[in-house]
Amino acid sequence: MGWTDWDLKSATACFGRLSVDLQAIRKVKDKFPKDYIGVAVDAGTAVRDFAMINMKLNAIETFLFTTNLKAKLVNEAIGLKEVGRIFRSKSDGTKVETIEMRLTRNEWELQKTKK
């Protein structure tokens, strides 16, 4: 997972590009607890908490293609909410609609108190 646009002044960063090695996961999947939240949500949660605690962010942002429903579900599972949709240009020049998502520090802190 990586980030772009880390703005120190506004204390925000845009995260994305989660890569998961499905072959490696399949080899150890039977060792996961039955109630395991999944590798993507686990990784997203770890990065979210690292960003809030160590990077001292006020907000986490991301965007994803509207067709990537798994990514939307992962982001929602860790607390991000859809805040808008815009069209972006891909590297080949084609336009694609994206979902903009965000989690503020206040929302994150509220999540922690509910647990």
N, C-alpha and C. Protein backbone atom coordinates (compact mmCIF):
# COMPACT_ATOMS: atom_id res chain seq x y z
N MET A 1 0.85 -1.16 0.00
CA MET A 1 0.00 0.00 0.00
C MET A 1 0.90 1.22 0.00
N GLY A 2 0.54 2.20 -0.77
CA GLY A 2 1.36 3.40 -0.84
C GLY A 2 0.52 4.64 -0.67
N TRP A 3 1.19 5.77 -0.59
CA TRP A 3 0.45 7.03 -0.49
C TRP A 3 1.05 8.06 -1.43
N THR A 4 0.21 9.05 -1.74
CA THR A 4 0.63 10.18 -2.56
C THR A 4 0.09 11.44 -1.90
N ASP A 5 0.56 12.55 -2.33
CA ASP A 5 0.00 13.84 -1.89
C ASP A 5 -0.04 13.99 -0.37
N TRP A 6 1.05 13.65 0.32
CA TRP A 6 1.12 13.87 1.76
C TRP A 6 1.35 15.36 1.96
N ASP A 7 0.33 16.04 2.43
CA ASP A 7 0.38 17.48 2.64
C ASP A 7 0.59 17.75 4.13
N LEU A 8 1.80 18.15 4.47
CA LEU A 8 2.14 18.38 5.88
C LEU A 8 1.35 19.54 6.48
N LYS A 9 1.09 20.56 5.67
CA LYS A 9 0.37 21.73 6.19
C LYS A 9 -1.07 21.39 6.58
N SER A 10 -1.77 20.67 5.71
CA SER A 10 -3.15 20.30 6.02
C SER A 10 -3.25 18.96 6.75
N ALA A 11 -2.12 18.27 6.88
CA ALA A 11 -2.05 16.96 7.55
C ALA A 11 -3.01 15.95 6.92
N THR A 12 -2.91 15.85 5.58
CA THR A 12 -3.69 14.86 4.85
C THR A 12 -2.77 14.07 3.94
N ALA A 13 -3.19 12.88 3.60
CA ALA A 13 -2.48 12.07 2.62
C ALA A 13 -3.50 11.23 1.87
N CYS A 14 -3.18 10.92 0.63
CA CYS A 14 -4.04 10.09 -0.21
C CYS A 14 -3.40 8.70 -0.30
N PHE A 15 -4.13 7.68 0.12
CA PHE A 15 -3.62 6.32 0.11
C PHE A 15 -4.25 5.50 -1.01
N GLY A 16 -3.54 4.47 -1.44
CA GLY A 16 -4.09 3.60 -2.47
C GLY A 16 -3.11 2.52 -2.88
N ARG A 17 -3.44 1.84 -3.96
CA ARG A 17 -2.59 0.82 -4.57
C ARG A 17 -2.26 -0.34 -3.64
N LEU A 18 -3.25 -0.93 -3.02
CA LEU A 18 -3.03 -2.11 -2.20
C LEU A 18 -2.80 -3.30 -3.11
N SER A 19 -1.69 -3.99 -2.91
CA SER A 19 -1.40 -5.20 -3.67
C SER A 19 -1.38 -6.38 -2.72
N VAL A 20 -2.10 -7.43 -3.09
CA VAL A 20 -2.18 -8.62 -2.27
C VAL A 20 -1.77 -9.82 -3.13
N ASP A 21 -0.87 -10.64 -2.61
CA ASP A 21 -0.42 -11.84 -3.31
C ASP A 21 -1.40 -12.97 -3.01
N LEU A 22 -2.35 -13.17 -3.90
CA LEU A 22 -3.41 -14.15 -3.65
C LEU A 22 -2.88 -15.58 -3.55
N GLN A 23 -1.84 -15.91 -4.30
CA GLN A 23 -1.27 -17.26 -4.21
C GLN A 23 -0.69 -17.51 -2.83
N ALA A 24 0.01 -16.52 -2.29
CA ALA A 24 0.59 -16.67 -0.95
C ALA A 24 -0.51 -16.78 0.10
N ILE A 25 -1.58 -16.01 -0.06
CA ILE A 25 -2.69 -16.06 0.91
C ILE A 25 -3.37 -17.42 0.87
N ARG A 26 -3.58 -17.95 -0.32
CA ARG A 26 -4.23 -19.26 -0.45
C ARG A 26 -3.45 -20.34 0.30
N LYS A 27 -2.13 -20.22 0.33
CA LYS A 27 -1.30 -21.22 0.99
C LYS A 27 -1.47 -21.23 2.51
N VAL A 28 -1.83 -20.10 3.08
CA VAL A 28 -1.94 -20.00 4.54
C VAL A 28 -3.36 -19.69 5.03
N LYS A 29 -4.29 -19.60 4.12
CA LYS A 29 -5.65 -19.20 4.48
C LYS A 29 -6.26 -20.09 5.56
N ASP A 30 -5.97 -21.37 5.54
CA ASP A 30 -6.55 -22.29 6.53
C ASP A 30 -6.01 -22.05 7.94
N LYS A 31 -4.95 -21.25 8.06
CA LYS A 31 -4.37 -20.93 9.37
C LYS A 31 -5.00 -19.67 9.98
N PHE A 32 -5.77 -18.93 9.20
CA PHE A 32 -6.43 -17.72 9.71
C PHE A 32 -7.57 -18.12 10.64
N PRO A 33 -7.83 -17.31 11.66
CA PRO A 33 -9.00 -17.57 12.51
C PRO A 33 -10.28 -17.48 11.68
N LYS A 34 -11.30 -18.19 12.10
CA LYS A 34 -12.58 -18.21 11.35
C LYS A 34 -13.18 -16.81 11.20
N ASP A 35 -12.97 -15.95 12.19
CA ASP A 35 -13.56 -14.61 12.14
C ASP A 35 -12.58 -13.55 11.63
N TYR A 36 -11.51 -13.98 10.94
CA TYR A 36 -10.50 -13.04 10.42
C TYR A 36 -11.14 -12.09 9.42
N ILE A 37 -10.84 -10.81 9.55
CA ILE A 37 -11.46 -9.77 8.71
C ILE A 37 -10.96 -9.76 7.27
N GLY A 38 -9.85 -10.41 7.02
CA GLY A 38 -9.29 -10.46 5.68
C GLY A 38 -8.03 -9.64 5.56
N VAL A 39 -7.16 -10.03 4.66
CA VAL A 39 -5.85 -9.40 4.51
C VAL A 39 -5.99 -7.94 4.09
N ALA A 40 -6.88 -7.64 3.17
CA ALA A 40 -7.02 -6.26 2.69
C ALA A 40 -7.53 -5.33 3.80
N VAL A 41 -8.53 -5.76 4.53
CA VAL A 41 -9.06 -4.93 5.62
C VAL A 41 -8.03 -4.83 6.75
N ASP A 42 -7.34 -5.92 7.04
CA ASP A 42 -6.29 -5.92 8.06
C ASP A 42 -5.19 -4.92 7.69
N ALA A 43 -4.73 -4.98 6.45
CA ALA A 43 -3.68 -4.05 5.99
C ALA A 43 -4.18 -2.61 6.00
N GLY A 44 -5.40 -2.41 5.53
CA GLY A 44 -5.97 -1.06 5.52
C GLY A 44 -6.11 -0.48 6.92
N THR A 45 -6.53 -1.32 7.86
CA THR A 45 -6.65 -0.89 9.25
C THR A 45 -5.30 -0.50 9.82
N ALA A 46 -4.27 -1.31 9.53
CA ALA A 46 -2.92 -1.02 10.03
C ALA A 46 -2.40 0.30 9.45
N VAL A 47 -2.59 0.51 8.16
CA VAL A 47 -2.12 1.75 7.53
C VAL A 47 -2.93 2.94 8.04
N ARG A 48 -4.24 2.77 8.18
CA ARG A 48 -5.09 3.84 8.71
C ARG A 48 -4.60 4.29 10.09
N ASP A 49 -4.38 3.32 10.97
CA ASP A 49 -3.96 3.65 12.33
C ASP A 49 -2.55 4.23 12.35
N PHE A 50 -1.65 3.69 11.53
CA PHE A 50 -0.30 4.25 11.43
C PHE A 50 -0.37 5.72 10.98
N ALA A 51 -1.21 5.98 9.99
CA ALA A 51 -1.33 7.35 9.46
C ALA A 51 -1.84 8.32 10.51
N MET A 52 -2.83 7.89 11.26
CA MET A 52 -3.40 8.77 12.28
C MET A 52 -2.45 8.95 13.47
N ILE A 53 -1.81 7.86 13.88
CA ILE A 53 -0.96 7.92 15.08
C ILE A 53 0.43 8.48 14.77
N ASN A 54 1.10 7.89 13.78
CA ASN A 54 2.49 8.25 13.53
C ASN A 54 2.68 9.41 12.56
N MET A 55 1.84 9.48 11.54
CA MET A 55 1.93 10.58 10.58
C MET A 55 1.15 11.79 11.08
N LYS A 56 0.32 11.58 12.09
CA LYS A 56 -0.48 12.64 12.72
C LYS A 56 -1.39 13.36 11.72
N LEU A 57 -2.05 12.54 10.88
CA LEU A 57 -2.92 13.10 9.86
C LEU A 57 -4.24 13.58 10.46
N ASN A 58 -4.81 14.60 9.84
CA ASN A 58 -6.15 15.06 10.17
C ASN A 58 -7.19 14.37 9.30
N ALA A 59 -6.74 13.84 8.15
CA ALA A 59 -7.67 13.13 7.25
C ALA A 59 -6.89 12.20 6.33
N ILE A 60 -7.53 11.09 6.01
CA ILE A 60 -7.04 10.13 5.02
C ILE A 60 -7.98 10.22 3.83
N GLU A 61 -7.40 10.26 2.64
CA GLU A 61 -8.21 10.33 1.43
C GLU A 61 -7.79 9.23 0.48
N THR A 62 -8.69 8.84 -0.38
CA THR A 62 -8.37 7.90 -1.44
C THR A 62 -9.38 8.06 -2.56
N PHE A 63 -9.08 7.47 -3.69
CA PHE A 63 -10.07 7.41 -4.75
C PHE A 63 -9.92 6.06 -5.43
N LEU A 64 -10.99 5.60 -6.02
CA LEU A 64 -10.98 4.30 -6.69
C LEU A 64 -11.93 4.34 -7.87
N PHE A 65 -11.70 3.45 -8.82
CA PHE A 65 -12.60 3.37 -9.97
C PHE A 65 -13.97 2.90 -9.49
N THR A 66 -15.04 3.44 -10.06
CA THR A 66 -16.39 3.06 -9.65
C THR A 66 -16.64 1.57 -9.88
N THR A 67 -15.90 0.95 -10.77
CA THR A 67 -16.08 -0.47 -11.05
C THR A 67 -15.35 -1.37 -10.04
N ASN A 68 -14.54 -0.79 -9.17
CA ASN A 68 -13.77 -1.59 -8.21
C ASN A 68 -14.53 -1.69 -6.88
N LEU A 69 -15.56 -2.52 -6.88
CA LEU A 69 -16.43 -2.61 -5.71
C LEU A 69 -15.71 -3.22 -4.50
N LYS A 70 -14.76 -4.12 -4.74
CA LYS A 70 -14.01 -4.69 -3.61
C LYS A 70 -13.23 -3.61 -2.87
N ALA A 71 -12.61 -2.71 -3.62
CA ALA A 71 -11.85 -1.62 -3.00
C ALA A 71 -12.79 -0.72 -2.20
N LYS A 72 -13.97 -0.46 -2.73
CA LYS A 72 -14.94 0.38 -2.00
C LYS A 72 -15.33 -0.29 -0.69
N LEU A 73 -15.58 -1.59 -0.72
CA LEU A 73 -15.96 -2.32 0.49
C LEU A 73 -14.84 -2.31 1.53
N VAL A 74 -13.59 -2.47 1.09
CA VAL A 74 -12.45 -2.43 2.02
C VAL A 74 -12.36 -1.05 2.66
N ASN A 75 -12.46 0.00 1.85
CA ASN A 75 -12.37 1.36 2.38
C ASN A 75 -13.51 1.64 3.36
N GLU A 76 -14.70 1.19 3.05
CA GLU A 76 -15.83 1.38 3.97
C GLU A 76 -15.61 0.59 5.26
N ALA A 77 -15.03 -0.60 5.15
CA ALA A 77 -14.80 -1.44 6.33
C ALA A 77 -13.84 -0.78 7.31
N ILE A 78 -12.93 0.05 6.81
CA ILE A 78 -11.99 0.71 7.73
C ILE A 78 -12.42 2.13 8.07
N GLY A 79 -13.62 2.51 7.61
CA GLY A 79 -14.20 3.77 8.06
C GLY A 79 -14.27 4.91 7.07
N LEU A 80 -13.72 4.75 5.87
CA LEU A 80 -13.81 5.84 4.91
C LEU A 80 -15.22 5.92 4.34
N LYS A 81 -15.63 7.13 4.00
CA LYS A 81 -16.95 7.36 3.44
C LYS A 81 -16.83 8.05 2.09
N GLU A 82 -17.75 7.72 1.20
CA GLU A 82 -17.78 8.37 -0.10
C GLU A 82 -18.13 9.85 0.08
N VAL A 83 -17.31 10.72 -0.53
CA VAL A 83 -17.55 12.15 -0.44
C VAL A 83 -17.80 12.79 -1.80
N GLY A 84 -17.67 12.01 -2.86
CA GLY A 84 -17.92 12.55 -4.19
C GLY A 84 -17.45 11.62 -5.28
N ARG A 85 -17.78 11.99 -6.49
CA ARG A 85 -17.35 11.24 -7.68
C ARG A 85 -16.86 12.25 -8.71
N ILE A 86 -15.75 11.92 -9.34
CA ILE A 86 -15.24 12.77 -10.42
C ILE A 86 -14.65 11.89 -11.51
N PHE A 87 -14.47 12.47 -12.69
CA PHE A 87 -13.80 11.77 -13.78
C PHE A 87 -12.33 12.14 -13.75
N ARG A 88 -11.49 11.15 -13.96
CA ARG A 88 -10.04 11.33 -14.04
C ARG A 88 -9.56 10.77 -15.36
N SER A 89 -8.38 11.24 -15.76
CA SER A 89 -7.76 10.70 -16.97
C SER A 89 -6.78 9.60 -16.59
N LYS A 90 -6.92 8.44 -17.23
CA LYS A 90 -5.97 7.35 -17.02
C LYS A 90 -4.70 7.65 -17.82
N SER A 91 -3.66 6.85 -17.61
CA SER A 91 -2.38 7.09 -18.28
C SER A 91 -2.50 7.02 -19.81
N ASP A 92 -3.49 6.27 -20.32
CA ASP A 92 -3.68 6.19 -21.77
C ASP A 92 -4.58 7.29 -22.31
N GLY A 93 -5.02 8.21 -21.43
CA GLY A 93 -5.83 9.33 -21.85
C GLY A 93 -7.33 9.11 -21.75
N THR A 94 -7.76 7.88 -21.51
CA THR A 94 -9.19 7.64 -21.39
C THR A 94 -9.69 8.17 -20.05
N LYS A 95 -10.96 8.55 -20.04
CA LYS A 95 -11.58 9.08 -18.82
C LYS A 95 -12.25 7.93 -18.06
N VAL A 96 -12.15 7.99 -16.75
CA VAL A 96 -12.78 6.99 -15.90
C VAL A 96 -13.38 7.69 -14.69
N GLU A 97 -14.59 7.26 -14.31
CA GLU A 97 -15.23 7.84 -13.13
C GLU A 97 -14.62 7.22 -11.87
N THR A 98 -14.33 8.06 -10.89
CA THR A 98 -13.76 7.59 -9.63
C THR A 98 -14.65 8.00 -8.46
N ILE A 99 -14.55 7.22 -7.40
CA ILE A 99 -15.23 7.51 -6.14
C ILE A 99 -14.18 8.09 -5.21
N GLU A 100 -14.47 9.26 -4.68
CA GLU A 100 -13.57 9.91 -3.72
C GLU A 100 -14.03 9.51 -2.31
N MET A 101 -13.08 9.08 -1.46
CA MET A 101 -13.43 8.65 -0.11
C MET A 101 -12.54 9.36 0.89
N ARG A 102 -13.05 9.49 2.13
CA ARG A 102 -12.32 10.27 3.14
C ARG A 102 -12.67 9.76 4.54
N LEU A 103 -11.69 9.85 5.44
CA LEU A 103 -11.88 9.59 6.86
C LEU A 103 -11.15 10.68 7.62
N THR A 104 -11.88 11.41 8.47
CA THR A 104 -11.25 12.47 9.25
C THR A 104 -10.76 11.91 10.59
N ARG A 105 -9.89 12.65 11.21
CA ARG A 105 -9.39 12.25 12.54
C ARG A 105 -10.55 12.11 13.52
N ASN A 106 -11.49 13.05 13.50
CA ASN A 106 -12.64 12.97 14.42
C ASN A 106 -13.45 11.70 14.20
N GLU A 107 -13.66 11.33 12.94
CA GLU A 107 -14.40 10.10 12.63
C GLU A 107 -13.62 8.88 13.12
N TRP A 108 -12.31 8.88 12.92
CA TRP A 108 -11.45 7.79 13.37
C TRP A 108 -11.51 7.65 14.89
N GLU A 109 -11.41 8.77 15.59
CA GLU A 109 -11.46 8.74 17.05
C GLU A 109 -12.82 8.23 17.54
N LEU A 110 -13.89 8.59 16.86
CA LEU A 110 -15.21 8.10 17.20
C LEU A 110 -15.30 6.59 17.00
N GLN A 111 -14.70 6.08 15.94
CA GLN A 111 -14.66 4.63 15.70
C GLN A 111 -13.98 3.91 16.85
N LYS A 112 -12.88 4.47 17.33
CA LYS A 112 -12.11 3.84 18.42
C LYS A 112 -12.95 3.77 19.70
N THR A 113 -13.77 4.78 19.96
CA THR A 113 -14.55 4.79 21.21
C THR A 113 -15.72 3.80 21.14
N LYS A 114 -16.14 3.42 19.93
CA LYS A 114 -17.26 2.47 19.78
C LYS A 114 -16.82 1.03 20.00
N LYS A 115 -15.51 0.77 19.98
CA LYS A 115 -15.02 -0.61 20.13
C LYS A 115 -14.94 -1.03 21.55
